[in-house]
Amino acid sequence: MLRRLRRGRPAGAVCVCPRCGSPRVRRLPGLFGWLLPTTYYCPDCGYRGPLVLEFVPEGPEREAREGEREG
């Protein structure tokens, strides 16, 4: 678990808006992520905040990608 936190987001993870579920969430530019927490913006519902949901695909495609990284 700590290894994942240090490396950041897992490969293939999709960020979605916590309010409307749209995958079109974007990071706002600026000092966010360095000095301040990263702020995200959703153009569909207007959400602006530091939280997004991350979904990692399950199934044979994910297992194949993980096997390539290990081997």
PDB file of N, CA and C in Angstrom:
ATOM      1  N   MET A   1       0.818  -1.193   0.000  1.00  0.00           N
ATOM      2  CA  MET A   1       0.000   0.000   0.000  1.00  0.00           C
ATOM      3  C   MET A   1       0.864   1.262   0.000  1.00  0.00           C
ATOM      4  N   LEU A   2       1.897   1.293   0.841  1.00  0.00           N
ATOM      5  CA  LEU A   2       2.756   2.470   0.870  1.00  0.00           C
ATOM      6  C   LEU A   2       3.504   2.671  -0.437  1.00  0.00           C
ATOM      7  N   ARG A   3       3.850   1.571  -1.087  1.00  0.00           N
ATOM      8  CA  ARG A   3       4.537   1.672  -2.367  1.00  0.00           C
ATOM      9  C   ARG A   3       3.641   2.373  -3.385  1.00  0.00           C
ATOM     10  N   ARG A   4       2.348   2.053  -3.388  1.00  0.00           N
ATOM     11  CA  ARG A   4       1.422   2.720  -4.307  1.00  0.00           C
ATOM     12  C   ARG A   4       1.307   4.199  -3.997  1.00  0.00           C
ATOM     13  N   LEU A   5       1.274   4.561  -2.701  1.00  0.00           N
ATOM     14  CA  LEU A   5       1.158   5.962  -2.338  1.00  0.00           C
ATOM     15  C   LEU A   5       2.371   6.757  -2.793  1.00  0.00           C
ATOM     16  N   ARG A   6       3.542   6.184  -2.689  1.00  0.00           N
ATOM     17  CA  ARG A   6       4.747   6.883  -3.118  1.00  0.00           C
ATOM     18  C   ARG A   6       4.790   7.056  -4.627  1.00  0.00           C
ATOM     19  N   ARG A   7       4.327   6.083  -5.349  1.00  0.00           N
ATOM     20  CA  ARG A   7       4.393   6.137  -6.816  1.00  0.00           C
ATOM     21  C   ARG A   7       3.244   6.914  -7.427  1.00  0.00           C
ATOM     22  N   GLY A   8       2.220   7.246  -6.674  1.00  0.00           N
ATOM     23  CA  GLY A   8       1.100   8.001  -7.212  1.00  0.00           C
ATOM     24  C   GLY A   8      -0.017   7.096  -7.678  1.00  0.00           C
ATOM     25  N   ARG A   9      -0.714   7.540  -8.677  1.00  0.00           N
ATOM     26  CA  ARG A   9      -1.881   6.849  -9.189  1.00  0.00           C
ATOM     27  C   ARG A   9      -1.498   5.573  -9.927  1.00  0.00           C
ATOM     28  N   PRO A  10      -2.255   4.471  -9.713  1.00  0.00           N
ATOM     29  CA  PRO A  10      -1.970   3.228 -10.442  1.00  0.00           C
ATOM     30  C   PRO A  10      -2.211   3.401 -11.944  1.00  0.00           C
ATOM     31  N   ALA A  11      -1.485   2.650 -12.740  1.00  0.00           N
ATOM     32  CA  ALA A  11      -1.645   2.719 -14.197  1.00  0.00           C
ATOM     33  C   ALA A  11      -3.058   2.309 -14.583  1.00  0.00           C
ATOM     34  N   GLY A  12      -3.655   3.051 -15.473  1.00  0.00           N
ATOM     35  CA  GLY A  12      -4.996   2.742 -15.944  1.00  0.00           C
ATOM     36  C   GLY A  12      -6.100   3.304 -15.076  1.00  0.00           C
ATOM     37  N   ALA A  13      -5.764   4.018 -14.001  1.00  0.00           N
ATOM     38  CA  ALA A  13      -6.786   4.586 -13.120  1.00  0.00           C
ATOM     39  C   ALA A  13      -7.487   5.734 -13.835  1.00  0.00           C
ATOM     40  N   VAL A  14      -8.795   5.829 -13.636  1.00  0.00           N
ATOM     41  CA  VAL A  14      -9.610   6.869 -14.249  1.00  0.00           C
ATOM     42  C   VAL A  14     -10.168   7.740 -13.132  1.00  0.00           C
ATOM     43  N   CYS A  15      -9.933   9.047 -13.208  1.00  0.00           N
ATOM     44  CA  CYS A  15     -10.482   9.980 -12.224  1.00  0.00           C
ATOM     45  C   CYS A  15     -11.867  10.415 -12.673  1.00  0.00           C
ATOM     46  N   VAL A  16     -12.816  10.419 -11.735  1.00  0.00           N
ATOM     47  CA  VAL A  16     -14.172  10.867 -12.040  1.00  0.00           C
ATOM     48  C   VAL A  16     -14.628  11.856 -10.972  1.00  0.00           C
ATOM     49  N   CYS A  17     -15.578  12.698 -11.337  1.00  0.00           N
ATOM     50  CA  CYS A  17     -16.131  13.709 -10.448  1.00  0.00           C
ATOM     51  C   CYS A  17     -16.942  13.039  -9.339  1.00  0.00           C
ATOM     52  N   PRO A  18     -16.741  13.444  -8.073  1.00  0.00           N
ATOM     53  CA  PRO A  18     -17.509  12.842  -6.986  1.00  0.00           C
ATOM     54  C   PRO A  18     -18.964  13.290  -6.965  1.00  0.00           C
ATOM     55  N   ARG A  19     -19.292  14.379  -7.647  1.00  0.00           N
ATOM     56  CA  ARG A  19     -20.661  14.886  -7.651  1.00  0.00           C
ATOM     57  C   ARG A  19     -21.507  14.264  -8.767  1.00  0.00           C
ATOM     58  N   CYS A  20     -20.993  14.270 -10.010  1.00  0.00           N
ATOM     59  CA  CYS A  20     -21.812  13.799 -11.134  1.00  0.00           C
ATOM     60  C   CYS A  20     -21.288  12.522 -11.787  1.00  0.00           C
ATOM     61  N   GLY A  21     -20.052  12.100 -11.465  1.00  0.00           N
ATOM     62  CA  GLY A  21     -19.496  10.872 -12.031  1.00  0.00           C
ATOM     63  C   GLY A  21     -18.868  11.039 -13.402  1.00  0.00           C
ATOM     64  N   SER A  22     -18.694  12.270 -13.865  1.00  0.00           N
ATOM     65  CA  SER A  22     -18.105  12.523 -15.176  1.00  0.00           C
ATOM     66  C   SER A  22     -16.610  12.229 -15.175  1.00  0.00           C
ATOM     67  N   PRO A  23     -16.096  11.584 -16.235  1.00  0.00           N
ATOM     68  CA  PRO A  23     -14.650  11.338 -16.324  1.00  0.00           C
ATOM     69  C   PRO A  23     -13.874  12.533 -16.881  1.00  0.00           C
ATOM     70  N   ARG A  24     -14.551  13.666 -17.121  1.00  0.00           N
ATOM     71  CA  ARG A  24     -13.896  14.837 -17.712  1.00  0.00           C
ATOM     72  C   ARG A  24     -13.269  15.762 -16.669  1.00  0.00           C
ATOM     73  N   VAL A  25     -12.944  15.262 -15.499  1.00  0.00           N
ATOM     74  CA  VAL A  25     -12.352  16.064 -14.424  1.00  0.00           C
ATOM     75  C   VAL A  25     -10.948  16.502 -14.835  1.00  0.00           C
ATOM     76  N   ARG A  26     -10.625  17.766 -14.577  1.00  0.00           N
ATOM     77  CA  ARG A  26      -9.314  18.320 -14.924  1.00  0.00           C
ATOM     78  C   ARG A  26      -8.680  18.962 -13.687  1.00  0.00           C
ATOM     79  N   ARG A  27      -7.349  18.961 -13.646  1.00  0.00           N
ATOM     80  CA  ARG A  27      -6.623  19.669 -12.591  1.00  0.00           C
ATOM     81  C   ARG A  27      -6.560  21.142 -12.942  1.00  0.00           C
ATOM     82  N   LEU A  28      -6.690  21.987 -11.930  1.00  0.00           N
ATOM     83  CA  LEU A  28      -6.536  23.421 -12.151  1.00  0.00           C
ATOM     84  C   LEU A  28      -5.049  23.773 -12.089  1.00  0.00           C
ATOM     85  N   PRO A  29      -4.585  24.650 -12.968  1.00  0.00           N
ATOM     86  CA  PRO A  29      -3.167  25.030 -12.960  1.00  0.00           C
ATOM     87  C   PRO A  29      -2.847  25.954 -11.787  1.00  0.00           C
ATOM     88  N   GLY A  30      -1.592  26.051 -11.458  1.00  0.00           N
ATOM     89  CA  GLY A  30      -1.149  26.942 -10.386  1.00  0.00           C
ATOM     90  C   GLY A  30      -0.194  26.228  -9.452  1.00  0.00           C
ATOM     91  N   LEU A  31      -0.153  26.674  -8.224  1.00  0.00           N
ATOM     92  CA  LEU A  31       0.739  26.088  -7.227  1.00  0.00           C
ATOM     93  C   LEU A  31       0.164  24.822  -6.615  1.00  0.00           C
ATOM     94  N   PHE A  32      -0.972  24.393  -7.104  1.00  0.00           N
ATOM     95  CA  PHE A  32      -1.623  23.208  -6.565  1.00  0.00           C
ATOM     96  C   PHE A  32      -0.733  21.987  -6.766  1.00  0.00           C
ATOM     97  N   GLY A  33      -0.669  21.128  -5.762  1.00  0.00           N
ATOM     98  CA  GLY A  33       0.133  19.923  -5.846  1.00  0.00           C
ATOM     99  C   GLY A  33       1.556  20.112  -5.356  1.00  0.00           C
ATOM    100  N   TRP A  34       1.991  21.366  -5.276  1.00  0.00           N
ATOM    101  CA  TRP A  34       3.322  21.627  -4.767  1.00  0.00           C
ATOM    102  C   TRP A  34       3.212  22.290  -3.396  1.00  0.00           C
ATOM    103  N   LEU A  35       2.579  23.453  -3.361  1.00  0.00           N
ATOM    104  CA  LEU A  35       2.421  24.197  -2.123  1.00  0.00           C
ATOM    105  C   LEU A  35       1.051  23.940  -1.500  1.00  0.00           C
ATOM    106  N   LEU A  36       0.056  23.812  -2.339  1.00  0.00           N
ATOM    107  CA  LEU A  36      -1.328  23.601  -1.900  1.00  0.00           C
ATOM    108  C   LEU A  36      -1.825  22.257  -2.414  1.00  0.00           C
ATOM    109  N   PRO A  37      -2.889  21.717  -1.819  1.00  0.00           N
ATOM    110  CA  PRO A  37      -3.442  20.468  -2.357  1.00  0.00           C
ATOM    111  C   PRO A  37      -3.944  20.680  -3.791  1.00  0.00           C
ATOM    112  N   THR A  38      -3.854  19.647  -4.598  1.00  0.00           N
ATOM    113  CA  THR A  38      -4.335  19.720  -5.976  1.00  0.00           C
ATOM    114  C   THR A  38      -5.832  19.982  -5.974  1.00  0.00           C
ATOM    115  N   THR A  39      -6.279  20.921  -6.811  1.00  0.00           N
ATOM    116  CA  THR A  39      -7.693  21.227  -6.935  1.00  0.00           C
ATOM    117  C   THR A  39      -8.156  20.770  -8.312  1.00  0.00           C
ATOM    118  N   TYR A  40      -9.281  20.097  -8.344  1.00  0.00           N
ATOM    119  CA  TYR A  40      -9.846  19.568  -9.586  1.00  0.00           C
ATOM    120  C   TYR A  40     -11.100  20.350  -9.955  1.00  0.00           C
ATOM    121  N   TYR A  41     -11.409  20.371 -11.264  1.00  0.00           N
ATOM    122  CA  TYR A  41     -12.587  21.065 -11.771  1.00  0.00           C
ATOM    123  C   TYR A  41     -13.330  20.160 -12.737  1.00  0.00           C
ATOM    124  N   CYS A  42     -14.662  20.113 -12.603  1.00  0.00           N
ATOM    125  CA  CYS A  42     -15.506  19.340 -13.519  1.00  0.00           C
ATOM    126  C   CYS A  42     -16.313  20.303 -14.374  1.00  0.00           C
ATOM    127  N   PRO A  43     -16.112  20.311 -15.696  1.00  0.00           N
ATOM    128  CA  PRO A  43     -16.864  21.219 -16.561  1.00  0.00           C
ATOM    129  C   PRO A  43     -18.340  20.836 -16.706  1.00  0.00           C
ATOM    130  N   ASP A  44     -18.704  19.614 -16.379  1.00  0.00           N
ATOM    131  CA  ASP A  44     -20.089  19.188 -16.531  1.00  0.00           C
ATOM    132  C   ASP A  44     -21.006  19.723 -15.436  1.00  0.00           C
ATOM    133  N   CYS A  45     -20.557  19.681 -14.167  1.00  0.00           N
ATOM    134  CA  CYS A  45     -21.435  20.112 -13.072  1.00  0.00           C
ATOM    135  C   CYS A  45     -20.884  21.316 -12.318  1.00  0.00           C
ATOM    136  N   GLY A  46     -19.644  21.730 -12.629  1.00  0.00           N
ATOM    137  CA  GLY A  46     -19.059  22.885 -11.971  1.00  0.00           C
ATOM    138  C   GLY A  46     -18.360  22.578 -10.657  1.00  0.00           C
ATOM    139  N   TYR A  47     -18.208  21.302 -10.321  1.00  0.00           N
ATOM    140  CA  TYR A  47     -17.522  20.929  -9.081  1.00  0.00           C
ATOM    141  C   TYR A  47     -16.101  21.453  -9.091  1.00  0.00           C
ATOM    142  N   ARG A  48     -15.669  21.990  -7.952  1.00  0.00           N
ATOM    143  CA  ARG A  48     -14.303  22.455  -7.775  1.00  0.00           C
ATOM    144  C   ARG A  48     -13.892  22.061  -6.364  1.00  0.00           C
ATOM    145  N   GLY A  49     -12.860  21.214  -6.262  1.00  0.00           N
ATOM    146  CA  GLY A  49     -12.432  20.775  -4.945  1.00  0.00           C
ATOM    147  C   GLY A  49     -11.225  19.855  -5.008  1.00  0.00           C
ATOM    148  N   PRO A  50     -10.729  19.440  -3.842  1.00  0.00           N
ATOM    149  CA  PRO A  50      -9.513  18.638  -3.787  1.00  0.00           C
ATOM    150  C   PRO A  50      -9.739  17.132  -3.929  1.00  0.00           C
ATOM    151  N   LEU A  51     -10.976  16.686  -3.973  1.00  0.00           N
ATOM    152  CA  LEU A  51     -11.259  15.251  -4.014  1.00  0.00           C
ATOM    153  C   LEU A  51     -11.791  14.806  -5.366  1.00  0.00           C
ATOM    154  N   VAL A  52     -11.302  13.655  -5.836  1.00  0.00           N
ATOM    155  CA  VAL A  52     -11.856  12.981  -7.007  1.00  0.00           C
ATOM    156  C   VAL A  52     -11.901  11.491  -6.689  1.00  0.00           C
ATOM    157  N   LEU A  53     -12.711  10.766  -7.411  1.00  0.00           N
ATOM    158  CA  LEU A  53     -12.775   9.320  -7.256  1.00  0.00           C
ATOM    159  C   LEU A  53     -11.887   8.690  -8.319  1.00  0.00           C
ATOM    160  N   GLU A  54     -11.142   7.665  -7.942  1.00  0.00           N
ATOM    161  CA  GLU A  54     -10.286   6.955  -8.893  1.00  0.00           C
ATOM    162  C   GLU A  54     -10.776   5.526  -9.024  1.00  0.00           C
ATOM    163  N   PHE A  55     -11.024   5.107 -10.247  1.00  0.00           N
ATOM    164  CA  PHE A  55     -11.435   3.744 -10.523  1.00  0.00           C
ATOM    165  C   PHE A  55     -10.319   3.043 -11.288  1.00  0.00           C
ATOM    166  N   VAL A  56      -9.987   1.851 -10.847  1.00  0.00           N
ATOM    167  CA  VAL A  56      -8.983   1.033 -11.523  1.00  0.00           C
ATOM    168  C   VAL A  56      -9.723  -0.109 -12.191  1.00  0.00           C
ATOM    169  N   PRO A  57      -9.565  -0.292 -13.500  1.00  0.00           N
ATOM    170  CA  PRO A  57     -10.276  -1.361 -14.195  1.00  0.00           C
ATOM    171  C   PRO A  57      -9.920  -2.736 -13.644  1.00  0.00           C
ATOM    172  N   GLU A  58     -10.895  -3.584 -13.534  1.00  0.00           N
ATOM    173  CA  GLU A  58     -10.713  -4.956 -13.066  1.00  0.00           C
ATOM    174  C   GLU A  58     -10.817  -5.902 -14.251  1.00  0.00           C
ATOM    175  N   GLY A  59     -10.276  -7.083 -14.121  1.00  0.00           N
ATOM    176  CA  GLY A  59     -10.451  -8.097 -15.157  1.00  0.00           C
ATOM    177  C   GLY A  59      -9.159  -8.515 -15.807  1.00  0.00           C
ATOM    178  N   PRO A  60      -9.263  -9.257 -16.911  1.00  0.00           N
ATOM    179  CA  PRO A  60      -8.083  -9.824 -17.568  1.00  0.00           C
ATOM    180  C   PRO A  60      -7.124  -8.769 -18.110  1.00  0.00           C
ATOM    181  N   GLU A  61      -7.626  -7.603 -18.535  1.00  0.00           N
ATOM    182  CA  GLU A  61      -6.747  -6.578 -19.074  1.00  0.00           C
ATOM    183  C   GLU A  61      -5.817  -6.053 -17.992  1.00  0.00           C
ATOM    184  N   ARG A  62      -6.353  -5.840 -16.792  1.00  0.00           N
ATOM    185  CA  ARG A  62      -5.527  -5.341 -15.692  1.00  0.00           C
ATOM    186  C   ARG A  62      -4.501  -6.388 -15.282  1.00  0.00           C
ATOM    187  N   GLU A  63      -4.901  -7.651 -15.201  1.00  0.00           N
ATOM    188  CA  GLU A  63      -3.982  -8.715 -14.821  1.00  0.00           C
ATOM    189  C   GLU A  63      -2.842  -8.847 -15.824  1.00  0.00           C
ATOM    190  N   ALA A  64      -3.140  -8.656 -17.095  1.00  0.00           N
ATOM    191  CA  ALA A  64      -2.106  -8.746 -18.133  1.00  0.00           C
ATOM    192  C   ALA A  64      -1.098  -7.610 -17.965  1.00  0.00           C
ATOM    193  N   ARG A  65      -1.586  -6.380 -17.676  1.00  0.00           N
ATOM    194  CA  ARG A  65      -0.693  -5.250 -17.481  1.00  0.00           C
ATOM    195  C   ARG A  65       0.194  -5.449 -16.259  1.00  0.00           C
ATOM    196  N   GLU A  66      -0.369  -5.970 -15.172  1.00  0.00           N
ATOM    197  CA  GLU A  66       0.415  -6.201 -13.957  1.00  0.00           C
ATOM    198  C   GLU A  66       1.475  -7.280 -14.201  1.00  0.00           C
ATOM    199  N   GLY A  67       1.162  -8.289 -14.993  1.00  0.00           N
ATOM    200  CA  GLY A  67       2.121  -9.340 -15.325  1.00  0.00           C
ATOM    201  C   GLY A  67       3.279  -8.801 -16.132  1.00  0.00           C
ATOM    202  N   GLU A  68       3.010  -7.837 -17.022  1.00  0.00           N
ATOM    203  CA  GLU A  68       4.081  -7.231 -17.828  1.00  0.00           C
ATOM    204  C   GLU A  68       5.033  -6.426 -16.955  1.00  0.00           C
ATOM    205  N   ARG A  69       4.507  -5.717 -15.955  1.00  0.00           N
ATOM    206  CA  ARG A  69       5.359  -4.924 -15.083  1.00  0.00           C
ATOM    207  C   ARG A  69       6.258  -5.782 -14.213  1.00  0.00           C
ATOM    208  N   GLU A  70       5.733  -6.913 -13.740  1.00  0.00           N
ATOM    209  CA  GLU A  70       6.509  -7.784 -12.872  1.00  0.00           C
ATOM    210  C   GLU A  70       7.589  -8.551 -13.628  1.00  0.00           C
ATOM    211  N   GLY A  71       7.286  -8.928 -14.853  1.00  0.00           N
ATOM    212  CA  GLY A  71       8.196  -9.789 -15.601  1.00  0.00           C
ATOM    213  C   GLY A  71       9.060  -9.070 -16.491  1.00  0.00           C
TER     214      GLY A  71
END
